[in-house]
């Protein structure tokens, strides 16, 4: 068994392992890279998900024909839902199935990523022994395991800097909002970008984002894609197409003047006002927990404006364990009052 770092997609092995969920979404991380590199595999995978054929503990195997020859893609489910964390039992069940497929198909060489780590949230120090246990006994098989490595980010970062990126109104508004958010002493992150984009859209900007109730409040996967499109020029931190919600993204402050110039010359007065509006709405709620509370309460009220404070508390408590444990009734009362004072005036409530 060989442990190394680098780009798994460049591995010269007969088979590659692609970590997936069971609902047909390849929106970030190594899965998104597989989607772009192996389109036929994604089509077969998405169709299989629609039919309910992709399950934890079961490999979906596709023979993809490329310019370099045939490559065996082994889709390894590490999650059930794309937005949830992985579980150690998912990896264990999958490794057992993977070992059997390697034997059955007489696979002679295979490369796999750090299963369930990164966006999956699992600890590599626990996953590595599992891989050793289930795969090291396979005779005559070259197994290459790509470990988590920060150096890979640096390599990809240099590649990303060569990208040609053009500002659009939506990109510029989100970027400018992140710069302003950092000026308040906070940290730019996927979490912050989602909340700023959420309030920007709720203020009337047509961003075409579909927000859902996620762990930390309203979340739209497309926000990460917008950030990734600007990665390398206006920010860094998404070189591998993924980052954890609160992981800092490094804004390129040398580009602030360019963004400000675009805002000044290319946005309408209404769009400029919407940016001002969101910072008035989040005034006093800039911290991560406060922003989570404010956006979550607004999300619930946008679905049902008639919800009482007790009903809001009930919905918050059943949202997830995190909110039940961290968000107290008095926090909800403060958020509701704040939205009543600022939200209606700014067309938020």
C-alpha atoms as a PDB file:
ATOM      1  CA  UNK A   1       0.000   0.000   0.000  1.00  0.00           C
ATOM      2  CA  UNK A   2       1.382   3.383  -1.037  1.00  0.00           C
ATOM      3  CA  UNK A   3       0.526   6.621   0.766  1.00  0.00           C
ATOM      4  CA  UNK A   4       1.244   9.840  -1.070  1.00  0.00           C
ATOM      5  CA  UNK A   5       0.022  13.374  -1.684  1.00  0.00           C
ATOM      6  CA  UNK A   6      -0.925  15.088  -4.910  1.00  0.00           C
ATOM      7  CA  UNK A   7      -3.745  15.072  -7.436  1.00  0.00           C
ATOM      8  CA  UNK A   8      -5.659  11.787  -7.374  1.00  0.00           C
ATOM      9  CA  UNK A   9      -7.056  12.402 -10.856  1.00  0.00           C
ATOM     10  CA  UNK A  10      -3.548  12.201 -12.278  1.00  0.00           C
ATOM     11  CA  UNK A  11      -2.890   8.763 -10.751  1.00  0.00           C
ATOM     12  CA  UNK A  12      -1.792   6.225 -13.382  1.00  0.00           C
ATOM     13  CA  UNK A  13      -3.853   3.403 -11.924  1.00  0.00           C
ATOM     14  CA  UNK A  14      -6.425   1.125 -13.495  1.00  0.00           C
ATOM     15  CA  UNK A  15      -9.173   2.370 -11.163  1.00  0.00           C
ATOM     16  CA  UNK A  16      -9.996   5.585  -9.311  1.00  0.00           C
ATOM     17  CA  UNK A  17     -12.273   5.896  -6.286  1.00  0.00           C
ATOM     18  CA  UNK A  18     -14.720   8.804  -6.323  1.00  0.00           C
ATOM     19  CA  UNK A  19     -16.448   9.681  -3.040  1.00  0.00           C
ATOM     20  CA  UNK A  20     -20.146  10.463  -3.572  1.00  0.00           C
ATOM     21  CA  UNK A  21     -23.478  10.909  -1.804  1.00  0.00           C
ATOM     22  CA  UNK A  22     -26.596   8.874  -2.564  1.00  0.00           C
ATOM     23  CA  UNK A  23     -28.739  11.690  -3.994  1.00  0.00           C
ATOM     24  CA  UNK A  24     -26.919  12.512  -7.237  1.00  0.00           C
ATOM     25  CA  UNK A  25     -25.121  15.741  -6.308  1.00  0.00           C
ATOM     26  CA  UNK A  26     -21.473  16.263  -7.262  1.00  0.00           C
ATOM     27  CA  UNK A  27     -21.172  19.869  -6.226  1.00  0.00           C
ATOM     28  CA  UNK A  28     -17.853  20.227  -4.432  1.00  0.00           C
ATOM     29  CA  UNK A  29     -14.485  18.751  -3.604  1.00  0.00           C
ATOM     30  CA  UNK A  30     -13.091  15.717  -5.361  1.00  0.00           C
ATOM     31  CA  UNK A  31     -16.572  14.720  -6.580  1.00  0.00           C
ATOM     32  CA  UNK A  32     -16.904  17.947  -8.583  1.00  0.00           C
ATOM     33  CA  UNK A  33     -13.497  17.339 -10.147  1.00  0.00           C
ATOM     34  CA  UNK A  34     -14.640  13.840 -11.144  1.00  0.00           C
ATOM     35  CA  UNK A  35     -17.843  15.272 -12.610  1.00  0.00           C
ATOM     36  CA  UNK A  36     -15.881  17.615 -14.852  1.00  0.00           C
ATOM     37  CA  UNK A  37     -13.251  15.043 -15.857  1.00  0.00           C
ATOM     38  CA  UNK A  38     -15.550  12.032 -16.325  1.00  0.00           C
ATOM     39  CA  UNK A  39     -18.955  13.219 -17.631  1.00  0.00           C
ATOM     40  CA  UNK A  40     -20.212   9.757 -18.606  1.00  0.00           C
ATOM     41  CA  UNK A  41     -19.620   8.526 -15.073  1.00  0.00           C
ATOM     42  CA  UNK A  42     -21.657  11.417 -13.686  1.00  0.00           C
ATOM     43  CA  UNK A  43     -24.559  10.710 -16.048  1.00  0.00           C
ATOM     44  CA  UNK A  44     -24.691   7.046 -15.025  1.00  0.00           C
ATOM     45  CA  UNK A  45     -24.317   7.962 -11.348  1.00  0.00           C
ATOM     46  CA  UNK A  46     -27.083  10.601 -11.467  1.00  0.00           C
ATOM     47  CA  UNK A  47     -29.456   8.187 -13.223  1.00  0.00           C
ATOM     48  CA  UNK A  48     -28.691   5.474 -10.666  1.00  0.00           C
ATOM     49  CA  UNK A  49     -29.437   7.886  -7.813  1.00  0.00           C
ATOM     50  CA  UNK A  50     -32.821   8.735  -9.322  1.00  0.00           C
ATOM     51  CA  UNK A  51     -33.623   5.019  -9.353  1.00  0.00           C
ATOM     52  CA  UNK A  52     -32.492   4.600  -5.741  1.00  0.00           C
ATOM     53  CA  UNK A  53     -29.640   2.289  -6.701  1.00  0.00           C
ATOM     54  CA  UNK A  54     -26.823   4.205  -4.996  1.00  0.00           C
ATOM     55  CA  UNK A  55     -26.567   3.172  -1.367  1.00  0.00           C
ATOM     56  CA  UNK A  56     -24.014   3.215   1.428  1.00  0.00           C
ATOM     57  CA  UNK A  57     -21.999  -0.004   1.399  1.00  0.00           C
ATOM     58  CA  UNK A  58     -22.510  -0.566  -2.319  1.00  0.00           C
ATOM     59  CA  UNK A  59     -20.069   0.492  -5.050  1.00  0.00           C
ATOM     60  CA  UNK A  60     -21.284   1.937  -8.357  1.00  0.00           C
ATOM     61  CA  UNK A  61     -18.667   1.066 -10.965  1.00  0.00           C
ATOM     62  CA  UNK A  62     -18.390   2.732 -14.370  1.00  0.00           C
ATOM     63  CA  UNK A  63     -15.937   2.071 -17.204  1.00  0.00           C
ATOM     64  CA  UNK A  64     -15.167   5.512 -18.636  1.00  0.00           C
ATOM     65  CA  UNK A  65     -13.445   5.824 -22.007  1.00  0.00           C
ATOM     66  CA  UNK A  66     -10.965   8.712 -22.130  1.00  0.00           C
ATOM     67  CA  UNK A  67      -8.267   9.921 -24.518  1.00  0.00           C
ATOM     68  CA  UNK A  68      -5.735   8.113 -22.328  1.00  0.00           C
ATOM     69  CA  UNK A  69      -7.704   4.872 -22.485  1.00  0.00           C
ATOM     70  CA  UNK A  70     -10.291   3.172 -20.315  1.00  0.00           C
ATOM     71  CA  UNK A  71     -10.488   4.112 -16.643  1.00  0.00           C
ATOM     72  CA  UNK A  72     -12.542   2.288 -14.022  1.00  0.00           C
ATOM     73  CA  UNK A  73     -14.398   4.780 -11.825  1.00  0.00           C
ATOM     74  CA  UNK A  74     -15.570   3.362  -8.508  1.00  0.00           C
ATOM     75  CA  UNK A  75     -18.203   5.609  -6.962  1.00  0.00           C
ATOM     76  CA  UNK A  76     -17.926   5.101  -3.193  1.00  0.00           C
ATOM     77  CA  UNK A  77     -20.881   6.503  -1.165  1.00  0.00           C
ATOM     78  CA  UNK A  78     -19.548   8.263   1.942  1.00  0.00           C
ATOM     79  CA  UNK A  79     -22.719  10.281   2.618  1.00  0.00           C
ATOM     80  CA  UNK A  80     -26.449   9.832   2.270  1.00  0.00           C
ATOM     81  CA  UNK A  81     -27.305  13.519   1.813  1.00  0.00           C
ATOM     82  CA  UNK A  82     -24.819  15.881   0.170  1.00  0.00           C
ATOM     83  CA  UNK A  83     -25.157  18.457   2.961  1.00  0.00           C
ATOM     84  CA  UNK A  84     -24.645  16.024   5.840  1.00  0.00           C
ATOM     85  CA  UNK A  85     -21.423  14.733   7.341  1.00  0.00           C
ATOM     86  CA  UNK A  86     -20.136  11.250   6.694  1.00  0.00           C
ATOM     87  CA  UNK A  87     -20.171   8.474   9.294  1.00  0.00           C
ATOM     88  CA  UNK A  88     -17.407   6.013  10.147  1.00  0.00           C
ATOM     89  CA  UNK A  89     -19.709   3.049   9.583  1.00  0.00           C
ATOM     90  CA  UNK A  90     -20.361   4.290   6.024  1.00  0.00           C
ATOM     91  CA  UNK A  91     -16.628   4.070   5.349  1.00  0.00           C
ATOM     92  CA  UNK A  92     -16.279   0.668   6.988  1.00  0.00           C
ATOM     93  CA  UNK A  93     -19.204  -0.819   5.062  1.00  0.00           C
ATOM     94  CA  UNK A  94     -17.897   0.718   1.862  1.00  0.00           C
ATOM     95  CA  UNK A  95     -14.367  -0.603   2.331  1.00  0.00           C
ATOM     96  CA  UNK A  96     -15.708  -4.121   2.744  1.00  0.00           C
ATOM     97  CA  UNK A  97     -17.657  -3.777  -0.505  1.00  0.00           C
ATOM     98  CA  UNK A  98     -14.676  -2.156  -2.252  1.00  0.00           C
ATOM     99  CA  UNK A  99     -12.360  -5.018  -1.290  1.00  0.00           C
ATOM    100  CA  UNK A 100     -14.844  -7.513  -2.715  1.00  0.00           C
ATOM    101  CA  UNK A 101     -15.173  -5.571  -5.991  1.00  0.00           C
ATOM    102  CA  UNK A 102     -11.390  -5.419  -6.370  1.00  0.00           C
ATOM    103  CA  UNK A 103     -11.216  -9.201  -6.039  1.00  0.00           C
ATOM    104  CA  UNK A 104     -14.225  -9.906  -8.278  1.00  0.00           C
ATOM    105  CA  UNK A 105     -13.120  -7.587 -11.080  1.00  0.00           C
ATOM    106  CA  UNK A 106      -9.451  -8.532 -10.801  1.00  0.00           C
ATOM    107  CA  UNK A 107      -8.418  -4.896 -10.453  1.00  0.00           C
ATOM    108  CA  UNK A 108      -4.620  -4.637 -10.328  1.00  0.00           C
ATOM    109  CA  UNK A 109      -4.134  -0.993  -9.320  1.00  0.00           C
ATOM    110  CA  UNK A 110      -6.392   1.535  -7.645  1.00  0.00           C
ATOM    111  CA  UNK A 111      -6.132   5.057  -6.197  1.00  0.00           C
ATOM    112  CA  UNK A 112      -8.412   6.443  -3.527  1.00  0.00           C
ATOM    113  CA  UNK A 113      -8.785   9.744  -1.634  1.00  0.00           C
ATOM    114  CA  UNK A 114      -8.960  10.216   2.169  1.00  0.00           C
ATOM    115  CA  UNK A 115     -12.446   8.701   2.434  1.00  0.00           C
ATOM    116  CA  UNK A 116     -14.955  10.838   4.333  1.00  0.00           C
ATOM    117  CA  UNK A 117     -12.389  13.427   5.355  1.00  0.00           C
ATOM    118  CA  UNK A 118     -12.376  17.084   4.308  1.00  0.00           C
ATOM    119  CA  UNK A 119     -15.975  18.097   3.691  1.00  0.00           C
ATOM    120  CA  UNK A 120     -17.130  14.750   5.098  1.00  0.00           C
ATOM    121  CA  UNK A 121     -15.858  15.807   8.504  1.00  0.00           C
ATOM    122  CA  UNK A 122     -14.175  12.541   9.524  1.00  0.00           C
ATOM    123  CA  UNK A 123     -10.760  12.239  11.194  1.00  0.00           C
ATOM    124  CA  UNK A 124      -8.014  10.944   8.901  1.00  0.00           C
ATOM    125  CA  UNK A 125      -6.225   9.340  11.855  1.00  0.00           C
ATOM    126  CA  UNK A 126      -9.253   7.052  12.261  1.00  0.00           C
ATOM    127  CA  UNK A 127      -9.868   6.471   8.554  1.00  0.00           C
ATOM    128  CA  UNK A 128      -6.288   5.482   7.676  1.00  0.00           C
ATOM    129  CA  UNK A 129      -6.288   2.355   9.914  1.00  0.00           C
ATOM    130  CA  UNK A 130      -9.632   1.307   8.402  1.00  0.00           C
ATOM    131  CA  UNK A 131      -8.164   1.451   4.900  1.00  0.00           C
ATOM    132  CA  UNK A 132      -5.155  -0.559   6.044  1.00  0.00           C
ATOM    133  CA  UNK A 133      -7.338  -3.159   7.719  1.00  0.00           C
ATOM    134  CA  UNK A 134      -9.642  -3.848   4.781  1.00  0.00           C
ATOM    135  CA  UNK A 135      -7.338  -3.335   1.787  1.00  0.00           C
ATOM    136  CA  UNK A 136      -3.788  -4.209   2.834  1.00  0.00           C
ATOM    137  CA  UNK A 137      -4.458  -7.939   2.541  1.00  0.00           C
ATOM    138  CA  UNK A 138      -5.299  -7.796  -1.169  1.00  0.00           C
ATOM    139  CA  UNK A 139      -2.492  -9.659  -2.922  1.00  0.00           C
ATOM    140  CA  UNK A 140      -1.164  -8.493  -6.268  1.00  0.00           C
ATOM    141  CA  UNK A 141      -2.975  -5.146  -6.084  1.00  0.00           C
ATOM    142  CA  UNK A 142      -1.223  -1.769  -6.095  1.00  0.00           C
ATOM    143  CA  UNK A 143      -3.199   0.482  -3.762  1.00  0.00           C
ATOM    144  CA  UNK A 144      -2.370   4.191  -3.795  1.00  0.00           C
ATOM    145  CA  UNK A 145      -3.930   6.301  -1.058  1.00  0.00           C
ATOM    146  CA  UNK A 146      -3.850  10.085  -1.376  1.00  0.00           C
ATOM    147  CA  UNK A 147      -3.579  11.632   2.069  1.00  0.00           C
ATOM    148  CA  UNK A 148      -4.906  15.090   3.017  1.00  0.00           C
ATOM    149  CA  UNK A 149      -2.234  17.640   2.169  1.00  0.00           C
ATOM    150  CA  UNK A 150      -2.100  21.426   2.430  1.00  0.00           C
ATOM    151  CA  UNK A 151       0.656  21.518  -0.195  1.00  0.00           C
ATOM    152  CA  UNK A 152      -1.870  20.427  -2.812  1.00  0.00           C
ATOM    153  CA  UNK A 153      -3.834  23.581  -2.104  1.00  0.00           C
ATOM    154  CA  UNK A 154      -0.749  25.684  -2.817  1.00  0.00           C
ATOM    155  CA  UNK A 155      -0.176  23.965  -6.156  1.00  0.00           C
ATOM    156  CA  UNK A 156      -3.792  24.451  -7.174  1.00  0.00           C
ATOM    157  CA  UNK A 157      -3.684  28.021  -5.879  1.00  0.00           C
ATOM    158  CA  UNK A 158      -0.917  28.866  -8.347  1.00  0.00           C
ATOM    159  CA  UNK A 159      -2.942  27.301 -11.158  1.00  0.00           C
ATOM    160  CA  UNK A 160      -6.047  29.235 -10.151  1.00  0.00           C
ATOM    161  CA  UNK A 161      -4.228  32.557 -10.334  1.00  0.00           C
ATOM    162  CA  UNK A 162      -3.999  32.090 -14.100  1.00  0.00           C
ATOM    163  CA  UNK A 163      -7.795  32.004 -14.481  1.00  0.00           C
ATOM    164  CA  UNK A 164      -9.512  34.741 -16.443  1.00  0.00           C
ATOM    165  CA  UNK A 165     -12.272  36.087 -14.224  1.00  0.00           C
ATOM    166  CA  UNK A 166     -14.780  38.773 -15.124  1.00  0.00           C
ATOM    167  CA  UNK A 167     -16.902  40.591 -12.594  1.00  0.00           C
ATOM    168  CA  UNK A 168     -20.673  40.520 -12.890  1.00  0.00           C
ATOM    169  CA  UNK A 169     -23.123  42.499 -10.734  1.00  0.00           C
ATOM    170  CA  UNK A 170     -23.803  39.453  -8.550  1.00  0.00           C
ATOM    171  CA  UNK A 171     -20.142  38.559  -8.117  1.00  0.00           C
ATOM    172  CA  UNK A 172     -19.164  42.152  -7.394  1.00  0.00           C
ATOM    173  CA  UNK A 173     -21.932  42.641  -4.832  1.00  0.00           C
ATOM    174  CA  UNK A 174     -21.013  39.464  -2.961  1.00  0.00           C
ATOM    175  CA  UNK A 175     -17.292  40.265  -3.055  1.00  0.00           C
ATOM    176  CA  UNK A 176     -17.820  43.819  -1.878  1.00  0.00           C
ATOM    177  CA  UNK A 177     -20.079  42.587   0.913  1.00  0.00           C
ATOM    178  CA  UNK A 178     -17.359  40.170   2.058  1.00  0.00           C
ATOM    179  CA  UNK A 179     -14.755  42.945   2.056  1.00  0.00           C
ATOM    180  CA  UNK A 180     -17.052  45.114   4.167  1.00  0.00           C
ATOM    181  CA  UNK A 181     -17.809  42.210   6.468  1.00  0.00           C
ATOM    182  CA  UNK A 182     -14.097  41.732   7.144  1.00  0.00           C
ATOM    183  CA  UNK A 183     -13.735  45.438   7.831  1.00  0.00           C
ATOM    184  CA  UNK A 184     -16.172  44.900  10.691  1.00  0.00           C
ATOM    185  CA  UNK A 185     -13.621  42.568  12.265  1.00  0.00           C
ATOM    186  CA  UNK A 186     -15.228  39.337  11.073  1.00  0.00           C
ATOM    187  CA  UNK A 187     -13.842  36.606   8.804  1.00  0.00           C
ATOM    188  CA  UNK A 188     -14.866  35.876   5.214  1.00  0.00           C
ATOM    189  CA  UNK A 189     -16.033  32.270   4.870  1.00  0.00           C
ATOM    190  CA  UNK A 190     -18.557  30.132   3.029  1.00  0.00           C
ATOM    191  CA  UNK A 191     -20.852  30.618   6.017  1.00  0.00           C
ATOM    192  CA  UNK A 192     -20.584  34.411   5.850  1.00  0.00           C
ATOM    193  CA  UNK A 193     -20.945  34.447   2.060  1.00  0.00           C
ATOM    194  CA  UNK A 194     -24.150  32.422   2.284  1.00  0.00           C
ATOM    195  CA  UNK A 195     -25.697  34.714   4.860  1.00  0.00           C
ATOM    196  CA  UNK A 196     -24.744  37.891   2.999  1.00  0.00           C
ATOM    197  CA  UNK A 197     -26.014  36.431  -0.279  1.00  0.00           C
ATOM    198  CA  UNK A 198     -29.218  35.352   1.449  1.00  0.00           C
ATOM    199  CA  UNK A 199     -29.997  38.822   2.749  1.00  0.00           C
ATOM    200  CA  UNK A 200     -28.923  40.366  -0.551  1.00  0.00           C
ATOM    201  CA  UNK A 201     -31.420  38.214  -2.420  1.00  0.00           C
ATOM    202  CA  UNK A 202     -34.126  38.837   0.164  1.00  0.00           C
ATOM    203  CA  UNK A 203     -33.588  42.577  -0.275  1.00  0.00           C
ATOM    204  CA  UNK A 204     -34.681  42.231  -3.894  1.00  0.00           C
ATOM    205  CA  UNK A 205     -31.524  41.343  -5.833  1.00  0.00           C
ATOM    206  CA  UNK A 206     -32.321  38.595  -8.353  1.00  0.00           C
ATOM    207  CA  UNK A 207     -29.424  36.224  -7.708  1.00  0.00           C
ATOM    208  CA  UNK A 208     -31.426  33.090  -8.611  1.00  0.00           C
ATOM    209  CA  UNK A 209     -30.113  31.254  -5.553  1.00  0.00           C
ATOM    210  CA  UNK A 210     -32.141  28.445  -3.999  1.00  0.00           C
ATOM    211  CA  UNK A 211     -31.715  28.549  -0.232  1.00  0.00           C
ATOM    212  CA  UNK A 212     -32.601  25.577   1.940  1.00  0.00           C
ATOM    213  CA  UNK A 213     -32.650  25.031   5.701  1.00  0.00           C
ATOM    214  CA  UNK A 214     -29.113  23.853   6.436  1.00  0.00           C
ATOM    215  CA  UNK A 215     -27.098  23.192   9.598  1.00  0.00           C
ATOM    216  CA  UNK A 216     -26.149  26.831  10.149  1.00  0.00           C
ATOM    217  CA  UNK A 217     -29.195  28.497   8.624  1.00  0.00           C
ATOM    218  CA  UNK A 218     -30.244  29.209   5.027  1.00  0.00           C
ATOM    219  CA  UNK A 219     -27.713  27.811   2.574  1.00  0.00           C
ATOM    220  CA  UNK A 220     -27.398  27.706  -1.224  1.00  0.00           C
ATOM    221  CA  UNK A 221     -24.819  25.412  -2.776  1.00  0.00           C
ATOM    222  CA  UNK A 222     -24.485  27.754  -5.754  1.00  0.00           C
ATOM    223  CA  UNK A 223     -22.823  30.358  -3.513  1.00  0.00           C
ATOM    224  CA  UNK A 224     -19.746  28.124  -3.320  1.00  0.00           C
ATOM    225  CA  UNK A 225     -19.691  27.864  -7.108  1.00  0.00           C
ATOM    226  CA  UNK A 226     -19.772  31.659  -7.375  1.00  0.00           C
ATOM    227  CA  UNK A 227     -16.885  31.923  -4.924  1.00  0.00           C
ATOM    228  CA  UNK A 228     -14.947  29.213  -6.745  1.00  0.00           C
ATOM    229  CA  UNK A 229     -15.341  31.073 -10.026  1.00  0.00           C
ATOM    230  CA  UNK A 230     -13.500  34.015  -8.432  1.00  0.00           C
ATOM    231  CA  UNK A 231     -10.941  31.916  -6.569  1.00  0.00           C
ATOM    232  CA  UNK A 232      -7.348  32.697  -7.458  1.00  0.00           C
ATOM    233  CA  UNK A 233      -7.929  36.307  -8.463  1.00  0.00           C
ATOM    234  CA  UNK A 234     -10.203  37.859  -5.866  1.00  0.00           C
ATOM    235  CA  UNK A 235      -9.826  35.304  -3.077  1.00  0.00           C
ATOM    236  CA  UNK A 236      -8.096  32.051  -2.177  1.00  0.00           C
ATOM    237  CA  UNK A 237      -9.084  29.050  -0.110  1.00  0.00           C
ATOM    238  CA  UNK A 238     -11.245  27.110  -2.563  1.00  0.00           C
ATOM    239  CA  UNK A 239      -8.472  25.573  -4.650  1.00  0.00           C
ATOM    240  CA  UNK A 240      -9.858  22.079  -4.096  1.00  0.00           C
ATOM    241  CA  UNK A 241     -13.414  23.283  -4.724  1.00  0.00           C
ATOM    242  CA  UNK A 242     -14.325  22.914  -1.089  1.00  0.00           C
ATOM    243  CA  UNK A 243     -13.838  24.452   2.337  1.00  0.00           C
ATOM    244  CA  UNK A 244     -15.542  23.973   5.659  1.00  0.00           C
ATOM    245  CA  UNK A 245     -18.303  26.473   6.504  1.00  0.00           C
ATOM    246  CA  UNK A 246     -16.226  28.564   8.924  1.00  0.00           C
ATOM    247  CA  UNK A 247     -12.820  28.006   7.329  1.00  0.00           C
ATOM    248  CA  UNK A 248     -11.350  31.450   6.524  1.00  0.00           C
ATOM    249  CA  UNK A 249     -11.229  32.502   2.892  1.00  0.00           C
ATOM    250  CA  UNK A 250      -8.402  34.912   2.117  1.00  0.00           C
ATOM    251  CA  UNK A 251      -9.687  37.952   0.266  1.00  0.00           C
ATOM    252  CA  UNK A 252      -7.282  39.658  -2.134  1.00  0.00           C
ATOM    253  CA  UNK A 253      -7.366  43.184  -0.738  1.00  0.00           C
ATOM    254  CA  UNK A 254      -5.294  44.423  -3.675  1.00  0.00           C
ATOM    255  CA  UNK A 255      -8.422  43.895  -5.790  1.00  0.00           C
ATOM    256  CA  UNK A 256     -10.712  45.937  -3.549  1.00  0.00           C
ATOM    257  CA  UNK A 257     -10.251  49.127  -5.592  1.00  0.00           C
ATOM    258  CA  UNK A 258     -11.228  47.229  -8.753  1.00  0.00           C
ATOM    259  CA  UNK A 259     -14.348  45.860  -7.071  1.00  0.00           C
ATOM    260  CA  UNK A 260     -15.276  49.284  -5.685  1.00  0.00           C
ATOM    261  CA  UNK A 261     -14.836  50.830  -9.128  1.00  0.00           C
ATOM    262  CA  UNK A 262     -17.142  48.204 -10.644  1.00  0.00           C
ATOM    263  CA  UNK A 263     -19.727  48.850  -7.935  1.00  0.00           C
ATOM    264  CA  UNK A 264     -19.563  52.576  -8.582  1.00  0.00           C
ATOM    265  CA  UNK A 265     -19.780  52.437 -12.379  1.00  0.00           C
ATOM    266  CA  UNK A 266     -21.743  49.284 -13.184  1.00  0.00           C
ATOM    267  CA  UNK A 267     -24.439  48.944 -10.525  1.00  0.00           C
ATOM    268  CA  UNK A 268     -27.755  50.756 -10.399  1.00  0.00           C
ATOM    269  CA  UNK A 269     -28.658  52.979  -7.474  1.00  0.00           C
ATOM    270  CA  UNK A 270     -31.086  50.295  -6.284  1.00  0.00           C
ATOM    271  CA  UNK A 271     -28.335  47.676  -6.281  1.00  0.00           C
ATOM    272  CA  UNK A 272     -26.006  49.951  -4.352  1.00  0.00           C
ATOM    273  CA  UNK A 273     -28.757  50.590  -1.821  1.00  0.00           C
ATOM    274  CA  UNK A 274     -29.341  46.870  -1.364  1.00  0.00           C
ATOM    275  CA  UNK A 275     -25.741  46.472  -0.240  1.00  0.00           C
ATOM    276  CA  UNK A 276     -26.241  49.261   2.289  1.00  0.00           C
ATOM    277  CA  UNK A 277     -29.487  47.658   3.396  1.00  0.00           C
ATOM    278  CA  UNK A 278     -27.981  44.302   4.290  1.00  0.00           C
ATOM    279  CA  UNK A 279     -25.362  45.909   6.509  1.00  0.00           C
ATOM    280  CA  UNK A 280     -28.044  47.874   8.312  1.00  0.00           C
ATOM    281  CA  UNK A 281     -30.003  44.671   8.809  1.00  0.00           C
ATOM    282  CA  UNK A 282     -27.041  42.706  10.211  1.00  0.00           C
ATOM    283  CA  UNK A 283     -25.845  45.627  12.351  1.00  0.00           C
ATOM    284  CA  UNK A 284     -25.255  44.175  15.809  1.00  0.00           C
ATOM    285  CA  UNK A 285     -25.596  40.626  14.444  1.00  0.00           C
ATOM    286  CA  UNK A 286     -22.226  40.314  12.708  1.00  0.00           C
ATOM    287  CA  UNK A 287     -20.835  37.438  14.788  1.00  0.00           C
ATOM    288  CA  UNK A 288     -21.318  33.941  13.415  1.00  0.00           C
ATOM    289  CA  UNK A 289     -23.906  32.799  15.962  1.00  0.00           C
ATOM    290  CA  UNK A 290     -25.844  36.075  15.763  1.00  0.00           C
ATOM    291  CA  UNK A 291     -25.833  35.953  11.969  1.00  0.00           C
ATOM    292  CA  UNK A 292     -27.000  32.346  12.066  1.00  0.00           C
ATOM    293  CA  UNK A 293     -29.866  33.258  14.399  1.00  0.00           C
ATOM    294  CA  UNK A 294     -30.934  36.320  12.409  1.00  0.00           C
ATOM    295  CA  UNK A 295     -30.910  34.560   9.040  1.00  0.00           C
ATOM    296  CA  UNK A 296     -32.628  31.442  10.413  1.00  0.00           C
ATOM    297  CA  UNK A 297     -35.426  33.448  12.023  1.00  0.00           C
ATOM    298  CA  UNK A 298     -35.908  35.455   8.850  1.00  0.00           C
ATOM    299  CA  UNK A 299     -35.956  32.262   6.782  1.00  0.00           C
ATOM    300  CA  UNK A 300     -38.744  30.834   8.954  1.00  0.00           C
ATOM    301  CA  UNK A 301     -40.717  34.083   8.865  1.00  0.00           C
ATOM    302  CA  UNK A 302     -40.355  34.321   5.093  1.00  0.00           C
ATOM    303  CA  UNK A 303     -42.071  30.923   4.863  1.00  0.00           C
ATOM    304  CA  UNK A 304     -44.784  31.868   7.361  1.00  0.00           C
ATOM    305  CA  UNK A 305     -44.918  35.535   8.470  1.00  0.00           C
ATOM    306  CA  UNK A 306     -47.639  34.720  11.032  1.00  0.00           C
ATOM    307  CA  UNK A 307     -45.428  32.531  13.218  1.00  0.00           C
ATOM    308  CA  UNK A 308     -45.546  33.505  16.877  1.00  0.00           C
ATOM    309  CA  UNK A 309     -42.439  33.648  19.011  1.00  0.00           C
ATOM    310  CA  UNK A 310     -43.355  30.327  20.643  1.00  0.00           C
ATOM    311  CA  UNK A 311     -43.843  28.745  17.229  1.00  0.00           C
ATOM    312  CA  UNK A 312     -40.484  30.104  16.109  1.00  0.00           C
ATOM    313  CA  UNK A 313     -38.850  28.618  19.195  1.00  0.00           C
ATOM    314  CA  UNK A 314     -40.441  25.249  18.428  1.00  0.00           C
ATOM    315  CA  UNK A 315     -39.215  25.305  14.828  1.00  0.00           C
ATOM    316  CA  UNK A 316     -35.714  26.342  15.895  1.00  0.00           C
ATOM    317  CA  UNK A 317     -35.582  23.519  18.437  1.00  0.00           C
ATOM    318  CA  UNK A 318     -36.585  20.957  15.823  1.00  0.00           C
ATOM    319  CA  UNK A 319     -34.294  22.412  13.117  1.00  0.00           C
ATOM    320  CA  UNK A 320     -31.316  20.471  14.499  1.00  0.00           C
ATOM    321  CA  UNK A 321     -29.568  19.662  17.776  1.00  0.00           C
ATOM    322  CA  UNK A 322     -27.111  22.517  17.345  1.00  0.00           C
ATOM    323  CA  UNK A 323     -29.841  25.136  17.268  1.00  0.00           C
ATOM    324  CA  UNK A 324     -31.786  23.463  20.063  1.00  0.00           C
ATOM    325  CA  UNK A 325     -28.750  23.608  22.327  1.00  0.00           C
ATOM    326  CA  UNK A 326     -27.348  27.010  21.374  1.00  0.00           C
ATOM    327  CA  UNK A 327     -30.291  29.269  20.534  1.00  0.00           C
ATOM    328  CA  UNK A 328     -32.251  30.448  23.549  1.00  0.00           C
ATOM    329  CA  UNK A 329     -35.717  31.976  23.563  1.00  0.00           C
ATOM    330  CA  UNK A 330     -34.392  35.428  24.433  1.00  0.00           C
ATOM    331  CA  UNK A 331     -32.121  35.318  21.356  1.00  0.00           C
ATOM    332  CA  UNK A 332     -35.164  34.696  19.183  1.00  0.00           C
ATOM    333  CA  UNK A 333     -37.016  37.577  20.829  1.00  0.00           C
ATOM    334  CA  UNK A 334     -34.125  39.947  20.099  1.00  0.00           C
ATOM    335  CA  UNK A 335     -33.890  38.792  16.471  1.00  0.00           C
ATOM    336  CA  UNK A 336     -37.640  39.152  15.904  1.00  0.00           C
ATOM    337  CA  UNK A 337     -37.622  42.659  17.364  1.00  0.00           C
ATOM    338  CA  UNK A 338     -34.612  43.616  15.257  1.00  0.00           C
ATOM    339  CA  UNK A 339     -36.236  42.350  12.058  1.00  0.00           C
ATOM    340  CA  UNK A 340     -39.423  44.211  12.953  1.00  0.00           C
ATOM    341  CA  UNK A 341     -37.493  47.457  13.380  1.00  0.00           C
ATOM    342  CA  UNK A 342     -35.123  47.114  10.440  1.00  0.00           C
ATOM    343  CA  UNK A 343     -36.500  44.375   8.254  1.00  0.00           C
ATOM    344  CA  UNK A 344     -39.809  45.972   7.331  1.00  0.00           C
ATOM    345  CA  UNK A 345     -38.202  49.317   6.633  1.00  0.00           C
ATOM    346  CA  UNK A 346     -35.731  47.602   4.345  1.00  0.00           C
ATOM    347  CA  UNK A 347     -38.279  45.253   2.713  1.00  0.00           C
ATOM    348  CA  UNK A 348     -36.955  42.241   4.607  1.00  0.00           C
ATOM    349  CA  UNK A 349     -39.918  41.281   6.743  1.00  0.00           C
END
